[in-house]
Amino acid sequence: MFPQLPDGFTALVTGASGGIGSALIDALLAEPRLARLHAVSRQAVTRDDPRLTGHTLDLGTEQGLTALGEALDGQRLHLVINAMGMLHDEADGITPEKKLEALDADTLGRLFHVNAATPALLLKTLAPSLKGRHPVLIGSLSARVGSIDDNRMGGWYAYRASKAAHNMLMKTASVELRRLNPHACVTCLHPGTTDTELSAPFQARVPEGKLFTPNFVAERLLTVLSRRSPADTGGFRDWDDQPIAW
């Protein structure tokens, strides 16, 4: 795994207590070449492994981002995977919109904040750890519905638009990071429909064989990142390593 990274590489995963994030933590800890893994989440993440450092933080706040930057203190990172994301929140009455009449400014703002602004601000926070000439792989979870070209069904306004904004922010960051570190590669990742809390209310419509386990998705996403090089930076790939149109 990750032939382009050095032995003893350092990784960081956000959203580490979620379904995909937790599976990524387990998969990375199974890699003997890993030296340290930073797991960032609003809920505590623990494993019986001295290589794991947990950071219980809310990266959706300025305080959380500042605390993460201070904890890392410019420590070199080789692998960053952002697994944060939001589609619905039953407690706040947030569900995917089916028509224009359902649009709500607060919902739009919240999904843009979680799905687009926070991943971009994360890269801003991590910039001191990414600059240089060391190999860096960055993967950030997106969604196929964020593809403008692929939008034939309509609906899901806030989620679609926030993921499209996420993709533009990651693409733009990839251009700058290429100047700050010529060995960096940024990839937007579509994990497929995964059996997690995010997809739970919508799984009845998923075709047979297309609902994936978190462990399967984690393995596939790490495989996709393992195949990337700096020449691929700014790309959008699915779990099967197929390109997705913007």
Foldseek 3Di string as FASTA:
>chain_A
DQPQAAQQAEEEEEPCVFFLNVLLVVVVVVDNSHQAYEYEECDWDDDPDPRYDYDNADLLDPVRLVVVLVVCVLAAHAEYEYPWAAAADVVVPGHWFPDPVPDDPVNLVVRLSGQAVSVLVNCVSNVSNLFDAHAHEYEYEAALLLAPVPPDRDTSVSNNVSRVNNLVSQLVVLVVSCVRYVWYAYEYEHLFAEPTPRCVVPVVPADPPRYHYSNLSSVLVVVLRSPDTSVRHSFYAYSNRHGHHD
